């Protein structure tokens, strides 16, 4: 069968971009139907350098928007950093005939020494939370970066406090370096869609290098204009810092993470209990075993509501994977916790202390941590605003909420824990399946689970104690 003359031999694509098709000449040799123009070649070369291979199919849908805002904030940070660099040099004595090389060296070494200690302490205290709260710590890093810039700018104006201000700025910058780098890696995992995390991270580095180069060129033009003009310098600095924070907020708002961390799981449960939609916004209706019905939000509906500072939005301190001595203080309490818990975990709520703990059974199934966390967050929601009767879960749990709020101060509400554990045997699996139907990834939750595991004698999984 002969090929029609007006059809190309083969259509060629580079990612989603169609290139000029191949044709056959009179001698049967392949030839291009037309050469790609110079702008097209330049665009393709730039894409190879700056974008992950296979863009946009190889990355998450929010990649392009996030990277545009992230590049803008990086440019603002670079320009503001050039102003702070000049201030740091002035603070250590550059241009001051009375300053000594030894004094400047000691100040610099003190900054570096404090920075080393800060990095170690910060990783020890918060290292395990950087994956779980990537957006929150990304925003904290950007806030601290602006604080460090301001401290460095102020250092030359208070010479007596200059070294102290530079040390505080160094502390902030070390947190920025650790938190920024770690959260950048966590976001690369979210953006990669073809097991191409390294490619996404490498292209992000290329984009940042290009932006820093542009910032360097602009700084060469900006610094001479601002030299000897303190009022204009402060005006430009404040404008850059405002643009930096606004760009960061826009970048984080563009992210739609499908993994479940504590803030997003808390918001999803709150939506199911109270109905979180506004202006007719609806989630995904789901009905599980035992007639349990609920409405759960999609990731696009939860992400814009996620608080951007760690710890905000929570009413209780939650220890997931807690040790035994933190959960109970006696054998009688432990037996009570077993009676009121689930086969794979025990849960203890102390409302007067603002604390809830979940003890995980050793060898429990993989979904146990997310089920225990969901039950703890459900109890936290019951301590909040009244549920009302606007949702099926609100009707079901309203009486339980009233009982919980009337619990005597200082007491552990064992009866409420037993009732929620009984309900959660059907409600928990239905919640997980409903979240999956709404587009959430329940297989790899980011819940900051501690390493403690407990082993107790009792019935096997699936049999109530």
Protein backbone atom coordinates (compact mmCIF):
# COMPACT_ATOMS: atom_id res chain seq x y z
CA UNK A 1 0.00 0.00 0.00
CA UNK A 2 1.50 3.31 -1.11
CA UNK A 3 1.65 6.34 1.14
CA UNK A 4 -0.24 9.43 -0.14
CA UNK A 5 2.22 12.06 -1.37
CA UNK A 6 0.74 14.83 0.77
CA UNK A 7 1.31 12.91 4.04
CA UNK A 8 4.66 12.98 5.86
CA UNK A 9 6.62 9.79 6.27
CA UNK A 10 6.64 10.18 10.05
CA UNK A 11 5.67 12.90 12.52
CA UNK A 12 8.37 13.77 15.07
CA UNK A 13 7.84 15.10 18.58
CA UNK A 14 10.24 16.40 21.22
CA UNK A 15 8.20 16.06 24.39
CA UNK A 16 4.91 17.78 23.58
CA UNK A 17 6.51 19.94 20.83
CA UNK A 18 5.99 18.77 17.24
CA UNK A 19 9.01 19.24 14.99
CA UNK A 20 9.00 19.50 11.19
CA UNK A 21 8.07 16.06 9.83
CA UNK A 22 10.43 13.85 7.89
CA UNK A 23 9.90 13.53 4.13
CA UNK A 24 11.37 11.36 1.40
CA UNK A 25 13.01 12.91 -1.67
CA UNK A 26 13.00 11.52 -5.19
CA UNK A 27 15.90 9.19 -4.40
CA UNK A 28 14.18 7.76 -1.32
CA UNK A 29 16.40 9.56 1.17
CA UNK A 30 15.01 11.21 4.27
CA UNK A 31 14.89 14.98 4.30
CA UNK A 32 13.22 17.55 6.49
CA UNK A 33 10.19 19.34 5.11
CA UNK A 34 11.55 22.58 6.50
CA UNK A 35 14.32 23.69 8.81
CA UNK A 36 13.45 24.79 12.33
CA UNK A 37 13.87 28.54 12.70
CA UNK A 38 16.49 30.07 14.99
CA UNK A 39 14.04 31.19 17.73
CA UNK A 40 12.64 27.66 17.84
CA UNK A 41 16.10 26.17 18.24
CA UNK A 42 16.94 28.64 20.98
CA UNK A 43 13.72 27.84 22.84
CA UNK A 44 14.46 24.13 22.63
CA UNK A 45 18.04 24.64 23.81
CA UNK A 46 16.84 26.77 26.74
CA UNK A 47 14.29 24.09 27.63
CA UNK A 48 17.04 21.46 27.68
CA UNK A 49 19.08 23.57 30.09
CA UNK A 50 16.35 24.89 32.38
CA UNK A 51 13.42 22.45 32.28
CA UNK A 52 13.21 18.77 33.25
CA UNK A 53 13.24 16.38 30.33
CA UNK A 54 9.71 15.69 29.12
CA UNK A 55 8.30 18.97 30.48
CA UNK A 56 5.39 19.50 31.09
CA UNK A 57 4.30 15.85 31.24
CA UNK A 58 7.21 14.81 33.48
CA UNK A 59 6.36 17.22 36.32
CA UNK A 60 3.35 18.09 38.47
CA UNK A 61 0.73 20.51 37.06
CA UNK A 62 1.75 23.23 39.53
CA UNK A 63 5.43 23.14 38.47
CA UNK A 64 5.53 26.05 36.00
CA UNK A 65 3.59 28.49 38.16
CA UNK A 66 5.58 27.64 41.27
CA UNK A 67 8.94 27.98 39.50
CA UNK A 68 8.02 31.38 38.04
CA UNK A 69 7.16 32.79 41.46
CA UNK A 70 10.15 31.05 43.03
CA UNK A 71 12.48 32.63 40.45
CA UNK A 72 11.03 36.06 41.18
CA UNK A 73 11.56 35.69 44.92
CA UNK A 74 15.11 34.47 44.31
CA UNK A 75 15.83 37.56 42.21
CA UNK A 76 14.50 39.86 44.95
CA UNK A 77 16.55 38.00 47.54
CA UNK A 78 19.72 38.30 45.43
CA UNK A 79 19.29 42.05 44.99
CA UNK A 80 18.58 42.58 48.69
CA UNK A 81 21.56 40.35 49.50
CA UNK A 82 23.89 42.62 47.55
CA UNK A 83 22.85 45.50 49.80
CA UNK A 84 23.42 43.43 52.94
CA UNK A 85 26.85 42.28 51.69
CA UNK A 86 27.98 45.88 51.50
CA UNK A 87 26.64 46.49 55.02
CA UNK A 88 28.45 43.43 56.40
CA UNK A 89 31.75 44.61 54.95
CA UNK A 90 31.23 48.02 56.53
CA UNK A 91 30.36 46.42 59.88
CA UNK A 92 33.59 44.39 59.99
CA UNK A 93 35.65 47.50 59.24
CA UNK A 94 36.17 47.70 55.47
CA UNK A 95 36.84 51.37 54.70
CA UNK A 96 37.43 52.25 58.36
CA UNK A 97 41.01 53.27 59.08
CA UNK A 98 40.56 52.58 62.80
CA UNK A 99 39.50 48.98 62.29
CA UNK A 100 42.03 46.17 62.62
CA UNK A 101 42.39 43.04 60.54
CA UNK A 102 42.36 40.93 63.70
CA UNK A 103 39.06 42.42 64.88
CA UNK A 104 37.42 41.82 61.50
CA UNK A 105 38.77 38.25 61.40
CA UNK A 106 37.48 37.47 64.90
CA UNK A 107 34.03 38.80 64.02
CA UNK A 108 33.97 36.65 60.90
CA UNK A 109 35.14 33.53 62.75
CA UNK A 110 32.52 34.10 65.45
CA UNK A 111 29.82 34.22 62.79
CA UNK A 112 31.04 30.96 61.27
CA UNK A 113 31.35 29.22 64.65
CA UNK A 114 27.86 30.17 65.76
CA UNK A 115 26.60 29.05 62.35
CA UNK A 116 28.07 25.57 62.76
CA UNK A 117 26.42 25.12 66.17
CA UNK A 118 23.10 26.47 64.85
CA UNK A 119 23.01 24.01 61.96
CA UNK A 120 23.61 21.04 64.25
CA UNK A 121 21.00 22.14 66.81
CA UNK A 122 18.37 22.93 64.20
CA UNK A 123 18.75 19.57 62.45
CA UNK A 124 18.54 17.83 65.83
CA UNK A 125 15.36 19.68 66.84
CA UNK A 126 13.47 19.93 63.54
CA UNK A 127 15.14 17.64 61.01
CA UNK A 128 12.34 15.05 61.00
CA UNK A 129 9.66 17.72 60.48
CA UNK A 130 11.09 19.29 57.33
CA UNK A 131 9.59 16.62 55.05
CA UNK A 132 6.25 16.68 56.85
CA UNK A 133 5.81 20.46 56.84
CA UNK A 134 7.70 21.46 53.71
CA UNK A 135 5.53 24.48 52.89
CA UNK A 136 5.64 25.75 56.46
CA UNK A 137 9.41 25.54 56.83
CA UNK A 138 9.93 26.91 53.34
CA UNK A 139 8.03 30.02 54.39
CA UNK A 140 9.87 30.20 57.72
CA UNK A 141 13.18 30.03 55.85
CA UNK A 142 12.17 32.98 53.66
CA UNK A 143 11.02 35.00 56.66
CA UNK A 144 14.30 34.36 58.47
CA UNK A 145 16.22 35.26 55.31
CA UNK A 146 14.58 38.70 55.34
CA UNK A 147 15.26 39.08 59.06
CA UNK A 148 18.94 38.28 58.47
CA UNK A 149 19.11 40.87 55.70
CA UNK A 150 17.65 43.54 57.96
CA UNK A 151 20.06 42.69 60.79
CA UNK A 152 23.02 42.92 58.44
CA UNK A 153 21.84 46.25 57.04
CA UNK A 154 21.48 47.62 60.59
CA UNK A 155 24.91 46.41 61.75
CA UNK A 156 26.97 49.39 60.40
CA UNK A 157 24.59 51.91 62.02
CA UNK A 158 25.15 50.51 65.56
CA UNK A 159 28.86 49.78 65.68
CA UNK A 160 28.74 48.78 69.35
CA UNK A 161 26.10 46.13 68.54
CA UNK A 162 27.47 45.32 65.10
CA UNK A 163 29.11 41.97 66.00
CA UNK A 164 26.02 40.84 67.94
CA UNK A 165 23.74 41.73 65.02
CA UNK A 166 25.99 39.88 62.58
CA UNK A 167 25.98 36.79 64.81
CA UNK A 168 22.17 36.84 65.03
CA UNK A 169 22.02 37.21 61.26
CA UNK A 170 24.37 34.23 60.92
CA UNK A 171 22.06 32.14 63.12
CA UNK A 172 19.08 33.04 60.95
CA UNK A 173 20.99 32.32 57.74
CA UNK A 174 22.04 28.88 58.96
CA UNK A 175 18.41 27.95 59.61
CA UNK A 176 17.60 29.33 56.16
CA UNK A 177 20.27 27.17 54.57
CA UNK A 178 19.19 23.93 56.25
CA UNK A 179 15.42 24.46 56.01
CA UNK A 180 15.55 25.90 52.50
CA UNK A 181 17.69 23.10 51.11
CA UNK A 182 15.71 20.32 52.79
CA UNK A 183 12.30 21.66 51.77
CA UNK A 184 13.53 22.25 48.22
CA UNK A 185 14.33 18.53 48.04
CA UNK A 186 10.91 17.62 49.46
CA UNK A 187 9.16 19.78 46.86
CA UNK A 188 11.26 18.20 44.10
CA UNK A 189 9.85 14.81 45.14
CA UNK A 190 6.33 16.23 44.75
CA UNK A 191 7.06 17.82 41.37
CA UNK A 192 8.76 14.77 39.82
CA UNK A 193 6.32 12.51 37.98
CA UNK A 194 8.63 10.06 36.19
CA UNK A 195 11.04 9.09 38.96
CA UNK A 196 13.08 12.11 37.83
CA UNK A 197 13.74 13.78 41.18
CA UNK A 198 17.42 14.32 40.37
CA UNK A 199 16.59 15.92 37.01
CA UNK A 200 14.00 18.23 38.60
CA UNK A 201 16.47 19.23 41.33
CA UNK A 202 19.28 19.79 38.81
CA UNK A 203 17.11 21.97 36.55
CA UNK A 204 15.94 23.92 39.59
CA UNK A 205 19.60 24.59 40.37
CA UNK A 206 20.15 25.78 36.78
CA UNK A 207 17.20 28.14 37.05
CA UNK A 208 18.51 29.50 40.34
CA UNK A 209 21.98 30.01 38.85
CA UNK A 210 20.50 31.94 35.94
CA UNK A 211 18.43 34.11 38.28
CA UNK A 212 21.46 34.77 40.50
CA UNK A 213 23.44 35.80 37.43
CA UNK A 214 20.71 38.24 36.43
CA UNK A 215 20.62 39.52 40.00
CA UNK A 216 24.39 40.05 39.91
CA UNK A 217 24.16 42.16 36.77
CA UNK A 218 21.32 44.23 38.21
CA UNK A 219 23.28 44.66 41.45
CA UNK A 220 26.20 46.11 39.51
CA UNK A 221 23.83 48.77 38.22
CA UNK A 222 21.93 49.25 41.47
CA UNK A 223 24.72 49.64 44.03
CA UNK A 224 26.39 52.70 42.44
CA UNK A 225 23.00 54.42 42.24
CA UNK A 226 22.34 53.85 45.95
CA UNK A 227 25.82 54.74 47.20
CA UNK A 228 25.57 57.65 49.67
CA UNK A 229 21.75 57.68 49.56
CA UNK A 230 20.55 55.98 52.78
CA UNK A 231 16.88 56.94 52.40
CA UNK A 232 16.71 55.60 48.86
CA UNK A 233 18.60 52.49 49.96
CA UNK A 234 16.05 51.74 52.67
CA UNK A 235 13.15 52.38 50.30
CA UNK A 236 14.59 49.97 47.71
CA UNK A 237 15.38 47.38 50.40
CA UNK A 238 11.86 47.44 51.87
CA UNK A 239 10.37 47.20 48.37
CA UNK A 240 12.56 44.18 47.58
CA UNK A 241 11.68 42.47 50.87
CA UNK A 242 7.96 43.07 50.31
CA UNK A 243 8.21 41.65 46.78
CA UNK A 244 10.23 38.72 48.13
CA UNK A 245 7.57 37.76 50.70
CA UNK A 246 4.69 38.33 48.27
CA UNK A 247 6.37 36.10 45.66
CA UNK A 248 6.91 33.39 48.28
CA UNK A 249 3.28 33.47 49.32
CA UNK A 250 2.20 33.23 45.69
CA UNK A 251 4.63 30.36 45.05
CA UNK A 252 3.39 28.36 48.06
CA UNK A 253 -0.24 29.10 47.18
CA UNK A 254 0.35 27.61 43.73
CA UNK A 255 1.41 24.26 45.20
CA UNK A 256 -1.16 21.48 45.38
CA UNK A 257 0.47 18.72 47.42
CA UNK A 258 -1.37 15.40 47.44
CA UNK A 259 0.55 13.88 50.35
CA UNK A 260 -1.15 13.95 53.75
CA UNK A 261 0.64 15.74 56.56
CA UNK A 262 -0.96 16.73 59.87
CA UNK A 263 -2.28 20.17 58.80
CA UNK A 264 -3.81 18.83 55.57
CA UNK A 265 -5.30 15.78 57.28
CA UNK A 266 -6.69 18.04 60.01
CA UNK A 267 -8.34 20.28 57.40
CA UNK A 268 -9.77 17.28 55.54
CA UNK A 269 -11.31 15.88 58.73
CA UNK A 270 -12.66 19.30 59.66
CA UNK A 271 -14.27 19.55 56.22
CA UNK A 272 -15.88 16.10 56.66
CA UNK A 273 -17.23 17.06 60.09
CA UNK A 274 -18.47 20.59 59.37
CA UNK A 275 -18.58 20.94 55.60
CA UNK A 276 -15.76 23.29 54.60
CA UNK A 277 -16.96 24.36 51.17
CA UNK A 278 -17.73 28.00 50.44
CA UNK A 279 -19.98 29.43 47.71
CA UNK A 280 -21.40 26.05 46.83
CA UNK A 281 -17.97 24.36 46.72
CA UNK A 282 -18.40 20.63 47.12
CA UNK A 283 -15.98 17.84 47.83
CA UNK A 284 -16.22 14.14 46.97
CA UNK A 285 -19.07 12.20 48.57
CA UNK A 286 -18.10 8.81 49.94
CA UNK A 287 -19.94 6.02 51.73
CA UNK A 288 -18.12 3.23 53.49
CA UNK A 289 -19.10 0.12 55.37
CA UNK A 290 -21.84 0.30 57.96
CA UNK A 291 -23.57 3.19 56.19
CA UNK A 292 -20.84 5.69 57.13
CA UNK A 293 -21.14 8.59 54.66
CA UNK A 294 -18.99 11.70 54.41
CA UNK A 295 -17.84 14.43 52.07
CA UNK A 296 -14.10 14.86 51.67
CA UNK A 297 -12.19 17.70 49.99
CA UNK A 298 -9.80 17.45 47.07
CA UNK A 299 -6.13 18.51 47.42
CA UNK A 300 -6.86 21.69 45.43
CA UNK A 301 -9.46 22.67 48.04
CA UNK A 302 -7.30 22.01 51.09
CA UNK A 303 -3.89 23.35 50.05
CA UNK A 304 -4.92 27.05 49.92
CA UNK A 305 -6.27 26.74 53.48
CA UNK A 306 -3.12 25.16 54.94
CA UNK A 307 -1.43 27.42 57.53
CA UNK A 308 2.06 28.54 56.53
CA UNK A 309 3.59 28.65 60.01
CA UNK A 310 4.46 25.45 61.91
CA UNK A 311 2.05 24.62 64.73
CA UNK A 312 -0.68 27.05 63.69
CA UNK A 313 -4.20 25.64 63.47
CA UNK A 314 -3.65 22.92 66.09
CA UNK A 315 -5.43 22.80 69.46
CA UNK A 316 -3.53 19.83 70.89
CA UNK A 317 0.08 18.67 70.93
CA UNK A 318 0.06 15.33 69.16
CA UNK A 319 2.74 12.70 69.80
CA UNK A 320 2.34 9.97 67.19
CA UNK A 321 4.34 6.89 68.15
CA UNK A 322 4.67 7.86 71.81
CA UNK A 323 6.55 5.79 74.43
CA UNK A 324 4.58 3.94 77.10
CA UNK A 325 5.65 6.13 80.06
CA UNK A 326 4.38 9.22 78.25
CA UNK A 327 1.00 7.64 77.53
CA UNK A 328 0.14 6.18 80.93
CA UNK A 329 1.42 6.43 84.49
CA UNK A 330 0.28 3.08 85.92
CA UNK A 331 -0.61 -0.48 85.00
CA UNK A 332 -4.28 0.28 85.60
CA UNK A 333 -4.16 3.16 83.09
CA UNK A 334 -2.42 0.91 80.57
CA UNK A 335 -5.14 -1.73 80.90
CA UNK A 336 -7.75 1.00 80.50
CA UNK A 337 -5.99 2.27 77.37
CA UNK A 338 -6.00 -1.24 75.90
CA UNK A 339 -9.72 -1.61 76.59
CA UNK A 340 -10.50 1.76 75.01
CA UNK A 341 -8.09 1.57 72.08
CA UNK A 342 -7.88 -0.23 68.77
CA UNK A 343 -6.14 -3.57 68.12
CA UNK A 344 -3.15 -1.89 66.47
CA UNK A 345 -2.75 1.27 68.56
CA UNK A 346 -3.76 2.85 71.83
CA UNK A 347 -4.70 6.49 72.23
CA UNK A 348 -4.74 8.69 75.34
CA UNK A 349 -6.28 12.18 75.45
CA UNK A 350 -5.55 14.67 78.22
CA UNK A 351 -7.63 17.78 77.33
CA UNK A 352 -6.56 19.84 80.35
CA UNK A 353 -2.90 19.43 79.31
CA UNK A 354 -3.62 20.10 75.63
CA UNK A 355 -2.06 16.76 74.68
CA UNK A 356 -3.01 13.57 72.85
CA UNK A 357 -0.71 10.59 72.35
CA UNK A 358 -0.89 7.53 70.13
CA UNK A 359 1.05 4.37 70.95
CA UNK A 360 1.65 2.16 67.90
CA UNK A 361 1.75 -1.61 68.16
CA UNK A 362 4.91 -3.27 66.90
CA UNK A 363 4.30 -5.14 63.63
CA UNK A 364 1.04 -3.30 62.91
CA UNK A 365 -0.03 -2.81 59.27
CA UNK A 366 1.36 0.17 57.29
CA UNK A 367 -1.88 2.16 57.51
CA UNK A 368 -1.87 2.13 61.32
CA UNK A 369 -0.04 5.48 61.81
CA UNK A 370 -2.43 7.39 59.56
CA UNK A 371 -5.46 5.79 61.24
CA UNK A 372 -4.12 6.65 64.71
CA UNK A 373 -3.30 10.19 63.62
CA UNK A 374 -6.75 10.61 62.06
CA UNK A 375 -8.48 9.48 65.27
CA UNK A 376 -6.33 11.86 67.33
CA UNK A 377 -7.17 14.75 64.99
CA UNK A 378 -10.83 13.78 65.14
CA UNK A 379 -10.71 14.11 68.93
CA UNK A 380 -8.99 17.47 68.49
CA UNK A 381 -11.84 18.63 66.22
CA UNK A 382 -14.38 17.50 68.82
CA UNK A 383 -12.76 19.91 71.27
CA UNK A 384 -13.30 22.78 68.82
CA UNK A 385 -16.39 24.52 67.49
CA UNK A 386 -19.74 22.76 67.73
CA UNK A 387 -20.34 20.36 64.87
CA UNK A 388 -24.03 21.00 64.35
CA UNK A 389 -26.08 18.80 62.05
CA UNK A 390 -24.98 20.08 58.64
CA UNK A 391 -23.09 16.89 57.74
CA UNK A 392 -23.73 13.17 58.37
CA UNK A 393 -20.62 12.95 60.55
CA UNK A 394 -21.70 16.05 62.47
CA UNK A 395 -24.99 14.37 63.34
CA UNK A 396 -23.21 11.15 64.29
CA UNK A 397 -20.54 12.74 66.50
CA UNK A 398 -22.46 15.72 67.92
CA UNK A 399 -23.60 13.92 71.12
CA UNK A 400 -20.06 12.61 71.61
CA UNK A 401 -18.69 16.13 71.36
CA UNK A 402 -21.07 17.41 74.04
CA UNK A 403 -19.99 14.60 76.38
CA UNK A 404 -16.31 15.34 75.74
CA UNK A 405 -16.69 19.03 76.51
CA UNK A 406 -18.43 18.23 79.80
CA UNK A 407 -15.57 15.96 80.93
CA UNK A 408 -14.14 16.98 84.36
CA UNK A 409 -10.83 18.92 84.17
CA UNK A 410 -7.74 16.77 84.59
CA UNK A 411 -9.51 13.51 83.80
CA UNK A 412 -8.83 11.20 80.85
CA UNK A 413 -12.17 10.72 79.01
CA UNK A 414 -11.90 6.93 78.74
CA UNK A 415 -15.53 6.50 77.77
CA UNK A 416 -15.17 8.95 74.87
CA UNK A 417 -11.98 7.20 73.75
CA UNK A 418 -13.72 3.83 73.80
CA UNK A 419 -16.66 5.18 71.80
CA UNK A 420 -14.50 6.87 69.16
CA UNK A 421 -12.37 3.71 68.85
CA UNK A 422 -15.52 1.67 68.27
CA UNK A 423 -16.77 4.11 65.63
CA UNK A 424 -13.36 4.37 64.02
CA UNK A 425 -13.22 0.67 63.16
CA UNK A 426 -15.64 1.47 60.34
CA UNK A 427 -15.04 5.21 60.07
CA UNK A 428 -11.24 4.96 59.75
CA UNK A 429 -11.05 2.67 56.69
CA UNK A 430 -13.93 4.61 55.08
CA UNK A 431 -12.01 7.85 55.65
CA UNK A 432 -8.88 6.46 53.97
CA UNK A 433 -10.80 5.14 50.96
CA UNK A 434 -12.66 8.43 50.68
CA UNK A 435 -9.41 10.41 50.77
CA UNK A 436 -8.03 8.21 48.00
CA UNK A 437 -11.17 8.80 45.94
CA UNK A 438 -10.73 12.55 46.43
CA UNK A 439 -7.20 12.40 44.98
CA UNK A 440 -5.03 12.10 48.08
CA UNK A 441 -1.98 9.85 48.36
CA UNK A 442 -2.59 7.77 51.50
CA UNK A 443 0.26 5.34 50.85
CA UNK A 444 3.07 7.73 51.80
CA UNK A 445 1.76 10.03 54.55
CA UNK A 446 4.10 12.61 56.09
CA UNK A 447 2.97 12.57 59.71
CA UNK A 448 6.21 12.90 61.71
CA UNK A 449 5.84 9.47 63.33
CA UNK A 450 8.19 8.84 66.24
CA UNK A 451 10.13 5.55 66.37
CA UNK A 452 8.64 4.14 69.60
CA UNK A 453 6.67 0.90 69.14
CA UNK A 454 4.84 -1.10 71.79
CA UNK A 455 4.19 -4.82 72.05
CA UNK A 456 1.45 -6.15 74.27
CA UNK A 457 -0.39 -9.43 74.68
CA UNK A 458 -3.85 -9.41 73.21
CA UNK A 459 -6.04 -10.49 70.29
CA UNK A 460 -4.75 -10.40 66.76
CA UNK A 461 -5.67 -7.67 64.32
CA UNK A 462 -9.29 -7.65 63.29
CA UNK A 463 -10.63 -8.82 66.68
CA UNK A 464 -11.82 -6.25 69.15
CA UNK A 465 -10.23 -6.42 72.59
